[in-house]
Amino acid sequence: MAIFIMDRIAQEAVDFLRAHHEVVDFPMSREKDWRTEATAMIVRTFQMREAEIALAQHLKIIAKHGSGVDNIDIPAATRKGITVTNTPGANADAVAEYVLTLALATARRVALSDRRLRTSVPGQVQDGIELGGKTLGLIGLGDIGSRTASLFRNAFAAEVIAYDPYAPASAFEQCGARQVRDVSSVLTDADVISLHVPLMDSTRHLIGAAELAMMKPTAILINAARGGIVDELALHAALLDGRIAGAGSDVFEIEPPPAEHPLLSLDNFVGSPHVAGSSREALQRMGFGAARAVLAVLAGETPPHVLNNK
C-alpha cells in the first residue's frame, strides 16, 4: 500500500507514515504514476478533479492537509468510494495571527516603509492608521474567524461584528462578536473587514465593486481565506482611487500571482504567497492530522473529519 504525498509536508509526519507503510514523498510523487500505485494521498494544493479521480485504481483516501477543500472534487471521490478528510482547526491559530499581522502591516504601511528603507527612498511614511478601538467585521465565523475575533478584542479592545448564517448563536457569544444580519452590515460598519468563508460558487467574487463601494474610505480589507472571494480588478480600482484605505491579501485567484499583477504595484496593498497557515506548529499539526487519517482508513477504521456526503 503506497501513500503518495503530493505536496511538501512536515518531515516528522512523513517519517511517522514511513514507520507504517511505503511512502512516495514529494517531489517524487509528482513523477510517479499515483493513479495506478497510490492507495492513499495527502494533498495541500495538488488538484484532485473528477477526471483524475476517475483514473485512480486503488485509491482509498484523499487526506487534505488543511481545511479548505476547493482543490478536491468531493462528489467525484464519493462516487468512486474514496474517503476525503481534512484537518479543520489545525492551522486556525496561525491564520488568525496572520490576519492580525496583515491588518497591522496594512494599517501602519509596514511594507511600504520597508521598501523605502531598503531602496534609500527619502521620506518617512507617517500616515498610518491605529487599530485600537476600531471595529472588526468578520464575514464567516468558523474556527479561524472566532480566533481572529478574540485576538482583535484582546489586542485592540476592538468591537467585533460578524455575519455567518451557519454559525450558532453560541459561537458569537463565545468570541464576543455581535451578530449582524447580512454582509452589507459588516461592510458599512467595520473599520477592518476580514474574510473567513470557503471558495464556492456562492462566494466567488463575494466582494466586488458594489461591496467595496459600501466600505468606509478609511477601511481595510483582509483576505487570508481563498483567492476568488474578492474581485481583484475591482479591488485594484478601489485602492487606486482611494475608495478604501488599504487591503492585505495572502491569497490570489491565480497562485502564485504574476509579478506584473496590478495589485502588487500599489503602495496601499500588502500581499503574501498563501502562507498564513504555514507556521511551524501548524504544519506539524496538519501533517500529523492528515497522516493519522490515512492510517485509520488503511487499517479499516473511520477517521475524523470525513467530508463525503456533507
C-alpha atoms as a PDB file:
ATOM      1  CA  MET A   1       0.000   0.000   0.000  1.00  0.00           C
ATOM      2  CA  ALA A   2       1.687   3.191  -1.197  1.00  0.00           C
ATOM      3  CA  ILE A   3       0.957   6.562   0.357  1.00  0.00           C
ATOM      4  CA  PHE A   4       1.601   9.395  -2.091  1.00  0.00           C
ATOM      5  CA  ILE A   5       2.365  12.792  -0.539  1.00  0.00           C
ATOM      6  CA  MET A   6       1.698  15.262  -3.355  1.00  0.00           C
ATOM      7  CA  ASP A   7       2.984  18.447  -1.687  1.00  0.00           C
ATOM      8  CA  ARG A   8       5.665  19.190   0.879  1.00  0.00           C
ATOM      9  CA  ILE A   9       4.586  18.475   4.462  1.00  0.00           C
ATOM     10  CA  ALA A  10       6.392  18.331   7.809  1.00  0.00           C
ATOM     11  CA  GLN A  11       9.207  15.787   7.710  1.00  0.00           C
ATOM     12  CA  GLU A  12       8.145  14.407  11.088  1.00  0.00           C
ATOM     13  CA  ALA A  13       4.772  13.439   9.590  1.00  0.00           C
ATOM     14  CA  VAL A  14       6.476  11.777   6.616  1.00  0.00           C
ATOM     15  CA  ASP A  15       8.710   9.746   8.951  1.00  0.00           C
ATOM     16  CA  PHE A  16       5.659   8.791  11.032  1.00  0.00           C
ATOM     17  CA  LEU A  17       3.961   7.360   7.932  1.00  0.00           C
ATOM     18  CA  ARG A  18       7.104   5.575   6.774  1.00  0.00           C
ATOM     19  CA  ALA A  19       7.158   3.630  10.027  1.00  0.00           C
ATOM     20  CA  HIS A  20       3.880   2.016   8.942  1.00  0.00           C
ATOM     21  CA  HIS A  21       3.675   1.942   5.127  1.00  0.00           C
ATOM     22  CA  GLU A  22       5.519   2.608   1.906  1.00  0.00           C
ATOM     23  CA  VAL A  23       5.620   6.361   1.241  1.00  0.00           C
ATOM     24  CA  VAL A  24       6.262   8.184  -2.012  1.00  0.00           C
ATOM     25  CA  ASP A  25       7.187  11.673  -0.880  1.00  0.00           C
ATOM     26  CA  PHE A  26       7.150  14.980  -2.730  1.00  0.00           C
ATOM     27  CA  PRO A  27       8.575  15.718  -5.299  1.00  0.00           C
ATOM     28  CA  MET A  28       8.970  12.092  -6.432  1.00  0.00           C
ATOM     29  CA  SER A  29       5.213  11.700  -6.008  1.00  0.00           C
ATOM     30  CA  ARG A  30       4.651  14.093  -8.909  1.00  0.00           C
ATOM     31  CA  GLU A  31       6.875  11.994 -11.180  1.00  0.00           C
ATOM     32  CA  LYS A  32       5.494   8.520 -10.421  1.00  0.00           C
ATOM     33  CA  ASP A  33       2.069   7.256 -11.511  1.00  0.00           C
ATOM     34  CA  TRP A  34      -0.122   7.731  -8.461  1.00  0.00           C
ATOM     35  CA  ARG A  35      -3.173   6.688 -10.486  1.00  0.00           C
ATOM     36  CA  THR A  36      -2.039   3.064 -10.577  1.00  0.00           C
ATOM     37  CA  GLU A  37       0.106   2.925  -7.434  1.00  0.00           C
ATOM     38  CA  ALA A  38      -1.498   5.083  -4.737  1.00  0.00           C
ATOM     39  CA  THR A  39      -3.667   3.598  -2.014  1.00  0.00           C
ATOM     40  CA  ALA A  40      -3.731   6.908  -0.131  1.00  0.00           C
ATOM     41  CA  MET A  41      -2.890  10.501  -0.975  1.00  0.00           C
ATOM     42  CA  ILE A  42      -2.097  13.574   1.086  1.00  0.00           C
ATOM     43  CA  VAL A  43      -2.599  16.864  -0.750  1.00  0.00           C
ATOM     44  CA  ARG A  44      -2.186  20.544   0.058  1.00  0.00           C
ATOM     45  CA  THR A  45      -2.657  22.439  -3.217  1.00  0.00           C
ATOM     46  CA  PHE A  46      -2.491  19.465  -5.608  1.00  0.00           C
ATOM     47  CA  GLN A  47      -5.649  19.371  -7.721  1.00  0.00           C
ATOM     48  CA  MET A  48      -7.877  16.299  -7.492  1.00  0.00           C
ATOM     49  CA  ARG A  49     -10.548  16.832 -10.128  1.00  0.00           C
ATOM     50  CA  GLU A  50     -13.157  14.388 -11.433  1.00  0.00           C
ATOM     51  CA  ALA A  51     -11.124  13.333 -14.499  1.00  0.00           C
ATOM     52  CA  GLU A  52      -8.104  12.484 -12.344  1.00  0.00           C
ATOM     53  CA  ILE A  53     -10.094  10.743  -9.631  1.00  0.00           C
ATOM     54  CA  ALA A  54     -11.790   8.567 -12.234  1.00  0.00           C
ATOM     55  CA  LEU A  55      -8.396   7.120 -13.209  1.00  0.00           C
ATOM     56  CA  ALA A  56      -7.427   6.095  -9.671  1.00  0.00           C
ATOM     57  CA  GLN A  57      -7.266   2.310  -9.449  1.00  0.00           C
ATOM     58  CA  HIS A  58      -6.566   1.585  -5.787  1.00  0.00           C
ATOM     59  CA  LEU A  59      -7.137   4.883  -4.007  1.00  0.00           C
ATOM     60  CA  LYS A  60      -8.960   4.677  -0.669  1.00  0.00           C
ATOM     61  CA  ILE A  61      -8.441   8.134   0.836  1.00  0.00           C
ATOM     62  CA  ILE A  62      -7.558  11.684  -0.138  1.00  0.00           C
ATOM     63  CA  ALA A  63      -6.419  13.441   3.029  1.00  0.00           C
ATOM     64  CA  LYS A  64      -6.356  17.226   2.797  1.00  0.00           C
ATOM     65  CA  HIS A  65      -3.504  18.905   4.635  1.00  0.00           C
ATOM     66  CA  GLY A  66      -5.533  21.913   5.753  1.00  0.00           C
ATOM     67  CA  SER A  67      -9.195  22.794   5.955  1.00  0.00           C
ATOM     68  CA  GLY A  68     -10.184  24.246   2.557  1.00  0.00           C
ATOM     69  CA  VAL A  69     -11.060  21.546   0.028  1.00  0.00           C
ATOM     70  CA  ASP A  70     -11.805  23.556  -3.121  1.00  0.00           C
ATOM     71  CA  ASN A  71      -8.980  21.621  -4.847  1.00  0.00           C
ATOM     72  CA  ILE A  72     -10.768  18.276  -4.331  1.00  0.00           C
ATOM     73  CA  ASP A  73     -13.886  17.109  -6.175  1.00  0.00           C
ATOM     74  CA  ILE A  74     -15.572  15.503  -3.181  1.00  0.00           C
ATOM     75  CA  PRO A  75     -18.704  14.256  -5.043  1.00  0.00           C
ATOM     76  CA  ALA A  76     -16.472  12.528  -7.617  1.00  0.00           C
ATOM     77  CA  ALA A  77     -14.433  10.924  -4.853  1.00  0.00           C
ATOM     78  CA  THR A  78     -17.599   9.813  -3.075  1.00  0.00           C
ATOM     79  CA  ARG A  79     -18.941   8.162  -6.229  1.00  0.00           C
ATOM     80  CA  LYS A  80     -15.644   6.313  -6.500  1.00  0.00           C
ATOM     81  CA  GLY A  81     -15.802   5.164  -2.888  1.00  0.00           C
ATOM     82  CA  ILE A  82     -12.810   7.287  -1.858  1.00  0.00           C
ATOM     83  CA  THR A  83     -12.842   8.849   1.597  1.00  0.00           C
ATOM     84  CA  VAL A  84     -11.998  12.560   1.785  1.00  0.00           C
ATOM     85  CA  THR A  85     -10.828  14.134   5.041  1.00  0.00           C
ATOM     86  CA  ASN A  86      -9.366  17.442   6.165  1.00  0.00           C
ATOM     87  CA  THR A  87      -7.735  18.921   9.268  1.00  0.00           C
ATOM     88  CA  PRO A  88     -10.055  21.707  10.439  1.00  0.00           C
ATOM     89  CA  GLY A  89      -8.734  23.916  13.195  1.00  0.00           C
ATOM     90  CA  ALA A  90      -5.154  22.689  12.885  1.00  0.00           C
ATOM     91  CA  ASN A  91      -3.982  25.981  11.384  1.00  0.00           C
ATOM     92  CA  ALA A  92      -6.619  28.257  12.927  1.00  0.00           C
ATOM     93  CA  ASP A  93      -4.229  29.958  15.342  1.00  0.00           C
ATOM     94  CA  ALA A  94      -1.658  30.504  12.608  1.00  0.00           C
ATOM     95  CA  VAL A  95      -4.160  32.062  10.190  1.00  0.00           C
ATOM     96  CA  ALA A  96      -5.792  34.214  12.881  1.00  0.00           C
ATOM     97  CA  GLU A  97      -2.392  35.579  13.913  1.00  0.00           C
ATOM     98  CA  TYR A  98      -1.579  36.261  10.273  1.00  0.00           C
ATOM     99  CA  VAL A  99      -4.824  38.168   9.776  1.00  0.00           C
ATOM    100  CA  LEU A 100      -3.800  40.413  12.642  1.00  0.00           C
ATOM    101  CA  THR A 101      -0.327  40.720  11.078  1.00  0.00           C
ATOM    102  CA  LEU A 102      -1.744  41.731   7.692  1.00  0.00           C
ATOM    103  CA  ALA A 103      -4.090  44.227   9.319  1.00  0.00           C
ATOM    104  CA  LEU A 104      -1.249  45.876  11.234  1.00  0.00           C
ATOM    105  CA  ALA A 105       1.094  45.820   8.247  1.00  0.00           C
ATOM    106  CA  THR A 106      -1.565  47.411   6.046  1.00  0.00           C
ATOM    107  CA  ALA A 107      -2.752  49.954   8.603  1.00  0.00           C
ATOM    108  CA  ARG A 108       0.761  51.086   9.549  1.00  0.00           C
ATOM    109  CA  ARG A 109       2.115  50.695   5.983  1.00  0.00           C
ATOM    110  CA  VAL A 110       4.965  48.476   7.111  1.00  0.00           C
ATOM    111  CA  ALA A 111       5.750  47.004   3.682  1.00  0.00           C
ATOM    112  CA  LEU A 112       5.999  50.452   2.085  1.00  0.00           C
ATOM    113  CA  SER A 113       8.320  51.701   4.844  1.00  0.00           C
ATOM    114  CA  ASP A 114      10.488  48.617   4.440  1.00  0.00           C
ATOM    115  CA  ARG A 115      10.744  49.074   0.658  1.00  0.00           C
ATOM    116  CA  ARG A 116      11.666  52.731   1.009  1.00  0.00           C
ATOM    117  CA  LEU A 117      14.295  51.959   3.618  1.00  0.00           C
ATOM    118  CA  ARG A 118      15.902  49.239   1.507  1.00  0.00           C
ATOM    119  CA  THR A 119      15.955  51.366  -1.642  1.00  0.00           C
ATOM    120  CA  SER A 120      17.017  54.590   0.119  1.00  0.00           C
ATOM    121  CA  VAL A 121      13.888  56.433  -0.973  1.00  0.00           C
ATOM    122  CA  PRO A 122      13.790  59.662   1.063  1.00  0.00           C
ATOM    123  CA  GLY A 123      10.946  60.466   3.413  1.00  0.00           C
ATOM    124  CA  GLN A 124       9.102  58.634   6.130  1.00  0.00           C
ATOM    125  CA  VAL A 125       5.642  57.084   5.961  1.00  0.00           C
ATOM    126  CA  GLN A 126       3.786  58.873   8.759  1.00  0.00           C
ATOM    127  CA  ASP A 127       0.121  58.459   7.887  1.00  0.00           C
ATOM    128  CA  GLY A 128      -0.582  55.002   9.247  1.00  0.00           C
ATOM    129  CA  ILE A 129      -3.854  54.128  10.982  1.00  0.00           C
ATOM    130  CA  GLU A 130      -4.112  52.905  14.580  1.00  0.00           C
ATOM    131  CA  LEU A 131      -6.281  49.842  15.187  1.00  0.00           C
ATOM    132  CA  GLY A 132      -7.014  50.489  18.837  1.00  0.00           C
ATOM    133  CA  GLY A 133     -10.746  50.800  19.480  1.00  0.00           C
ATOM    134  CA  LYS A 134     -11.653  50.168  15.864  1.00  0.00           C
ATOM    135  CA  THR A 135     -14.443  47.819  14.724  1.00  0.00           C
ATOM    136  CA  LEU A 136     -13.501  44.456  13.239  1.00  0.00           C
ATOM    137  CA  GLY A 137     -16.014  42.982  10.819  1.00  0.00           C
ATOM    138  CA  LEU A 138     -15.924  39.266  10.096  1.00  0.00           C
ATOM    139  CA  ILE A 139     -17.610  37.528   7.195  1.00  0.00           C
ATOM    140  CA  GLY A 140     -17.603  33.939   8.378  1.00  0.00           C
ATOM    141  CA  LEU A 141     -17.266  32.790  11.980  1.00  0.00           C
ATOM    142  CA  GLY A 142     -15.718  29.342  11.954  1.00  0.00           C
ATOM    143  CA  ASP A 143     -12.607  28.345  13.882  1.00  0.00           C
ATOM    144  CA  ILE A 144     -10.389  30.961  12.267  1.00  0.00           C
ATOM    145  CA  GLY A 145     -12.934  33.764  12.371  1.00  0.00           C
ATOM    146  CA  SER A 146     -13.646  33.116  16.057  1.00  0.00           C
ATOM    147  CA  ARG A 147      -9.960  33.151  16.977  1.00  0.00           C
ATOM    148  CA  THR A 148      -9.417  36.288  14.923  1.00  0.00           C
ATOM    149  CA  ALA A 149     -12.195  37.955  16.884  1.00  0.00           C
ATOM    150  CA  SER A 150     -10.570  37.051  20.187  1.00  0.00           C
ATOM    151  CA  LEU A 151      -7.167  38.329  19.072  1.00  0.00           C
ATOM    152  CA  PHE A 152      -8.534  41.696  17.974  1.00  0.00           C
ATOM    153  CA  ARG A 153     -10.610  42.117  21.112  1.00  0.00           C
ATOM    154  CA  ASN A 154      -7.642  41.344  23.366  1.00  0.00           C
ATOM    155  CA  ALA A 155      -5.041  43.295  21.395  1.00  0.00           C
ATOM    156  CA  PHE A 156      -7.033  46.380  20.405  1.00  0.00           C
ATOM    157  CA  ALA A 157     -10.164  46.405  22.572  1.00  0.00           C
ATOM    158  CA  ALA A 158     -11.960  46.117  19.247  1.00  0.00           C
ATOM    159  CA  GLU A 159     -15.680  45.889  18.853  1.00  0.00           C
ATOM    160  CA  VAL A 160     -16.362  42.809  16.714  1.00  0.00           C
ATOM    161  CA  ILE A 161     -19.323  42.344  14.404  1.00  0.00           C
ATOM    162  CA  ALA A 162     -19.811  39.202  12.360  1.00  0.00           C
ATOM    163  CA  TYR A 163     -22.021  37.683   9.692  1.00  0.00           C
ATOM    164  CA  ASP A 164     -22.353  33.924   9.375  1.00  0.00           C
ATOM    165  CA  PRO A 165     -25.787  32.414   8.685  1.00  0.00           C
ATOM    166  CA  TYR A 166     -24.496  28.932   9.548  1.00  0.00           C
ATOM    167  CA  ALA A 167     -22.891  29.677  12.922  1.00  0.00           C
ATOM    168  CA  PRO A 168     -24.912  29.059  16.102  1.00  0.00           C
ATOM    169  CA  ALA A 169     -25.641  31.927  18.468  1.00  0.00           C
ATOM    170  CA  SER A 170     -23.187  30.409  20.943  1.00  0.00           C
ATOM    171  CA  ALA A 171     -20.309  30.971  18.506  1.00  0.00           C
ATOM    172  CA  PHE A 172     -20.926  34.725  18.525  1.00  0.00           C
ATOM    173  CA  GLU A 173     -21.243  34.774  22.299  1.00  0.00           C
ATOM    174  CA  GLN A 174     -18.056  32.793  22.920  1.00  0.00           C
ATOM    175  CA  CYS A 175     -15.827  35.139  20.926  1.00  0.00           C
ATOM    176  CA  GLY A 176     -17.617  38.340  21.910  1.00  0.00           C
ATOM    177  CA  ALA A 177     -18.922  39.184  18.445  1.00  0.00           C
ATOM    178  CA  ARG A 178     -22.178  40.978  17.736  1.00  0.00           C
ATOM    179  CA  GLN A 179     -24.201  39.132  15.119  1.00  0.00           C
ATOM    180  CA  VAL A 180     -25.402  41.129  12.109  1.00  0.00           C
ATOM    181  CA  ARG A 181     -27.971  40.080   9.551  1.00  0.00           C
ATOM    182  CA  ASP A 182     -26.133  40.499   6.266  1.00  0.00           C
ATOM    183  CA  VAL A 183     -22.804  41.137   4.568  1.00  0.00           C
ATOM    184  CA  SER A 184     -23.670  44.770   3.869  1.00  0.00           C
ATOM    185  CA  SER A 185     -23.912  45.497   7.606  1.00  0.00           C
ATOM    186  CA  VAL A 186     -20.316  44.318   8.021  1.00  0.00           C
ATOM    187  CA  LEU A 187     -19.127  46.322   5.030  1.00  0.00           C
ATOM    188  CA  THR A 188     -20.712  49.603   6.075  1.00  0.00           C
ATOM    189  CA  ASP A 189     -19.903  49.489   9.793  1.00  0.00           C
ATOM    190  CA  ALA A 190     -16.443  47.909  10.132  1.00  0.00           C
ATOM    191  CA  ASP A 191     -13.032  49.564  10.030  1.00  0.00           C
ATOM    192  CA  VAL A 192     -11.213  46.297   9.345  1.00  0.00           C
ATOM    193  CA  ILE A 193     -13.033  43.603   7.365  1.00  0.00           C
ATOM    194  CA  SER A 194     -11.676  40.061   7.370  1.00  0.00           C
ATOM    195  CA  LEU A 195     -12.980  37.236   5.175  1.00  0.00           C
ATOM    196  CA  HIS A 196     -13.382  33.711   6.540  1.00  0.00           C
ATOM    197  CA  VAL A 197     -15.512  31.796   4.053  1.00  0.00           C
ATOM    198  CA  PRO A 198     -14.683  28.900   1.718  1.00  0.00           C
ATOM    199  CA  LEU A 199     -14.482  29.416  -2.041  1.00  0.00           C
ATOM    200  CA  MET A 200     -17.683  28.134  -3.636  1.00  0.00           C
ATOM    201  CA  ASP A 201     -19.917  29.276  -6.455  1.00  0.00           C
ATOM    202  CA  SER A 202     -21.909  31.307  -3.930  1.00  0.00           C
ATOM    203  CA  THR A 203     -18.820  33.087  -2.547  1.00  0.00           C
ATOM    204  CA  ARG A 204     -16.863  33.698  -5.751  1.00  0.00           C
ATOM    205  CA  HIS A 205     -16.418  37.472  -6.084  1.00  0.00           C
ATOM    206  CA  LEU A 206     -18.462  37.899  -2.917  1.00  0.00           C
ATOM    207  CA  ILE A 207     -16.584  41.195  -2.587  1.00  0.00           C
ATOM    208  CA  GLY A 208     -16.835  43.127  -5.826  1.00  0.00           C
ATOM    209  CA  ALA A 209     -17.168  46.742  -6.901  1.00  0.00           C
ATOM    210  CA  ALA A 210     -20.588  47.225  -5.291  1.00  0.00           C
ATOM    211  CA  GLU A 211     -19.441  45.768  -1.981  1.00  0.00           C
ATOM    212  CA  LEU A 212     -16.213  47.778  -1.923  1.00  0.00           C
ATOM    213  CA  ALA A 213     -18.259  50.925  -2.506  1.00  0.00           C
ATOM    214  CA  MET A 214     -20.136  50.224   0.743  1.00  0.00           C
ATOM    215  CA  MET A 215     -16.974  50.325   2.824  1.00  0.00           C
ATOM    216  CA  LYS A 216     -15.701  53.360   4.695  1.00  0.00           C
ATOM    217  CA  PRO A 217     -12.952  55.276   2.863  1.00  0.00           C
ATOM    218  CA  THR A 218     -10.760  54.630   5.933  1.00  0.00           C
ATOM    219  CA  ALA A 219     -11.481  50.877   5.976  1.00  0.00           C
ATOM    220  CA  ILE A 220      -9.079  47.997   5.372  1.00  0.00           C
ATOM    221  CA  LEU A 221      -9.946  44.680   3.711  1.00  0.00           C
ATOM    222  CA  ILE A 222      -8.085  41.484   4.694  1.00  0.00           C
ATOM    223  CA  ASN A 223      -8.322  38.179   2.833  1.00  0.00           C
ATOM    224  CA  ALA A 224      -6.467  35.174   4.212  1.00  0.00           C
ATOM    225  CA  ALA A 225      -9.200  32.746   3.122  1.00  0.00           C
ATOM    226  CA  ARG A 226      -9.186  31.966  -0.599  1.00  0.00           C
ATOM    227  CA  GLY A 227      -8.392  33.765  -3.821  1.00  0.00           C
ATOM    228  CA  GLY A 228     -11.513  34.343  -5.879  1.00  0.00           C
ATOM    229  CA  ILE A 229     -13.640  35.552  -2.978  1.00  0.00           C
ATOM    230  CA  VAL A 230     -12.544  39.084  -3.877  1.00  0.00           C
ATOM    231  CA  ASP A 231     -12.805  40.517  -7.394  1.00  0.00           C
ATOM    232  CA  GLU A 232      -9.177  41.574  -7.786  1.00  0.00           C
ATOM    233  CA  LEU A 233      -9.798  44.043 -10.605  1.00  0.00           C
ATOM    234  CA  ALA A 234     -12.492  45.775  -8.549  1.00  0.00           C
ATOM    235  CA  LEU A 235     -10.177  45.830  -5.524  1.00  0.00           C
ATOM    236  CA  HIS A 236      -7.389  47.362  -7.585  1.00  0.00           C
ATOM    237  CA  ALA A 237      -9.709  50.107  -8.810  1.00  0.00           C
ATOM    238  CA  ALA A 238     -10.966  50.848  -5.276  1.00  0.00           C
ATOM    239  CA  LEU A 239      -7.429  51.064  -3.883  1.00  0.00           C
ATOM    240  CA  LEU A 240      -6.135  53.112  -6.797  1.00  0.00           C
ATOM    241  CA  ASP A 241      -8.941  55.648  -6.444  1.00  0.00           C
ATOM    242  CA  GLY A 242      -8.686  55.771  -2.647  1.00  0.00           C
ATOM    243  CA  ARG A 243     -12.221  54.479  -2.137  1.00  0.00           C
ATOM    244  CA  ILE A 244     -10.823  52.329   0.684  1.00  0.00           C
ATOM    245  CA  ALA A 245      -7.638  52.905   2.674  1.00  0.00           C
ATOM    246  CA  GLY A 246      -5.882  49.618   2.091  1.00  0.00           C
ATOM    247  CA  ALA A 247      -6.004  45.872   1.661  1.00  0.00           C
ATOM    248  CA  GLY A 248      -3.929  42.888   2.629  1.00  0.00           C
ATOM    249  CA  SER A 249      -4.215  39.502   0.964  1.00  0.00           C
ATOM    250  CA  ASP A 250      -2.467  36.193   1.400  1.00  0.00           C
ATOM    251  CA  VAL A 251      -4.411  34.604  -1.452  1.00  0.00           C
ATOM    252  CA  PHE A 252      -4.975  35.283  -5.146  1.00  0.00           C
ATOM    253  CA  GLU A 253      -7.153  33.954  -7.935  1.00  0.00           C
ATOM    254  CA  ILE A 254      -4.016  32.682  -9.695  1.00  0.00           C
ATOM    255  CA  GLU A 255      -1.274  31.467  -7.369  1.00  0.00           C
ATOM    256  CA  PRO A 256       1.415  32.485  -7.341  1.00  0.00           C
ATOM    257  CA  PRO A 257       0.307  35.813  -8.848  1.00  0.00           C
ATOM    258  CA  PRO A 258       2.381  37.095 -11.760  1.00  0.00           C
ATOM    259  CA  ALA A 259       4.960  39.766 -10.943  1.00  0.00           C
ATOM    260  CA  GLU A 260       3.013  42.254 -13.060  1.00  0.00           C
ATOM    261  CA  HIS A 261      -0.223  41.713 -11.110  1.00  0.00           C
ATOM    262  CA  PRO A 262      -1.759  45.205 -10.765  1.00  0.00           C
ATOM    263  CA  LEU A 263      -2.325  44.899  -7.015  1.00  0.00           C
ATOM    264  CA  LEU A 264       1.400  44.399  -6.433  1.00  0.00           C
ATOM    265  CA  SER A 265       2.115  47.853  -7.852  1.00  0.00           C
ATOM    266  CA  LEU A 266       0.080  49.669  -5.181  1.00  0.00           C
ATOM    267  CA  ASP A 267       1.524  51.207  -2.030  1.00  0.00           C
ATOM    268  CA  ASN A 268      -1.687  50.613  -0.085  1.00  0.00           C
ATOM    269  CA  PHE A 269      -1.724  46.862  -0.741  1.00  0.00           C
ATOM    270  CA  VAL A 270       0.190  44.185   1.187  1.00  0.00           C
ATOM    271  CA  GLY A 271       0.442  40.716  -0.319  1.00  0.00           C
ATOM    272  CA  SER A 272       1.946  37.347   0.531  1.00  0.00           C
ATOM    273  CA  PRO A 273       2.044  33.960  -1.242  1.00  0.00           C
ATOM    274  CA  HIS A 274      -0.571  31.878   0.644  1.00  0.00           C
ATOM    275  CA  VAL A 275       1.485  31.310   3.786  1.00  0.00           C
ATOM    276  CA  ALA A 276      -0.953  32.357   6.533  1.00  0.00           C
ATOM    277  CA  GLY A 277      -1.482  28.822   7.776  1.00  0.00           C
ATOM    278  CA  SER A 278       2.120  27.729   7.409  1.00  0.00           C
ATOM    279  CA  SER A 279       3.639  28.294  10.815  1.00  0.00           C
ATOM    280  CA  ARG A 280       5.960  25.536  12.010  1.00  0.00           C
ATOM    281  CA  GLU A 281       3.458  24.476  14.615  1.00  0.00           C
ATOM    282  CA  ALA A 282       0.504  24.440  12.236  1.00  0.00           C
ATOM    283  CA  LEU A 283       2.401  22.487   9.595  1.00  0.00           C
ATOM    284  CA  GLN A 284       3.108  19.763  12.130  1.00  0.00           C
ATOM    285  CA  ARG A 285      -0.499  19.673  13.329  1.00  0.00           C
ATOM    286  CA  MET A 286      -1.830  19.470   9.766  1.00  0.00           C
ATOM    287  CA  GLY A 287       0.785  16.909   8.704  1.00  0.00           C
ATOM    288  CA  PHE A 288       0.089  14.569  11.597  1.00  0.00           C
ATOM    289  CA  GLY A 289      -3.676  15.100  11.278  1.00  0.00           C
ATOM    290  CA  ALA A 290      -3.605  14.044   7.620  1.00  0.00           C
ATOM    291  CA  ALA A 291      -1.226  11.154   8.392  1.00  0.00           C
ATOM    292  CA  ARG A 292      -3.444   9.763  11.136  1.00  0.00           C
ATOM    293  CA  ALA A 293      -6.480   9.935   8.840  1.00  0.00           C
ATOM    294  CA  VAL A 294      -4.590   7.922   6.219  1.00  0.00           C
ATOM    295  CA  LEU A 295      -3.501   5.279   8.737  1.00  0.00           C
ATOM    296  CA  ALA A 296      -7.046   4.958  10.051  1.00  0.00           C
ATOM    297  CA  VAL A 297      -8.513   4.289   6.605  1.00  0.00           C
ATOM    298  CA  LEU A 298      -5.760   1.836   5.655  1.00  0.00           C
ATOM    299  CA  ALA A 299      -6.467  -0.018   8.908  1.00  0.00           C
ATOM    300  CA  GLY A 300     -10.157  -0.265   8.029  1.00  0.00           C
ATOM    301  CA  GLU A 301     -11.203   2.361  10.564  1.00  0.00           C
ATOM    302  CA  THR A 302     -13.210   5.571  10.197  1.00  0.00           C
ATOM    303  CA  PRO A 303     -11.027   8.690  10.552  1.00  0.00           C
ATOM    304  CA  PRO A 304     -12.175  12.002  11.998  1.00  0.00           C
ATOM    305  CA  HIS A 305     -13.360  14.838   9.750  1.00  0.00           C
ATOM    306  CA  VAL A 306     -14.773  12.759   6.893  1.00  0.00           C
ATOM    307  CA  LEU A 307     -16.225  15.119   4.263  1.00  0.00           C
ATOM    308  CA  ASN A 308     -18.063  12.720   1.979  1.00  0.00           C
ATOM    309  CA  ASN A 309     -21.795  13.440   1.727  1.00  0.00           C
ATOM    310  CA  LYS A 310     -21.554  16.542   3.932  1.00  0.00           C
END
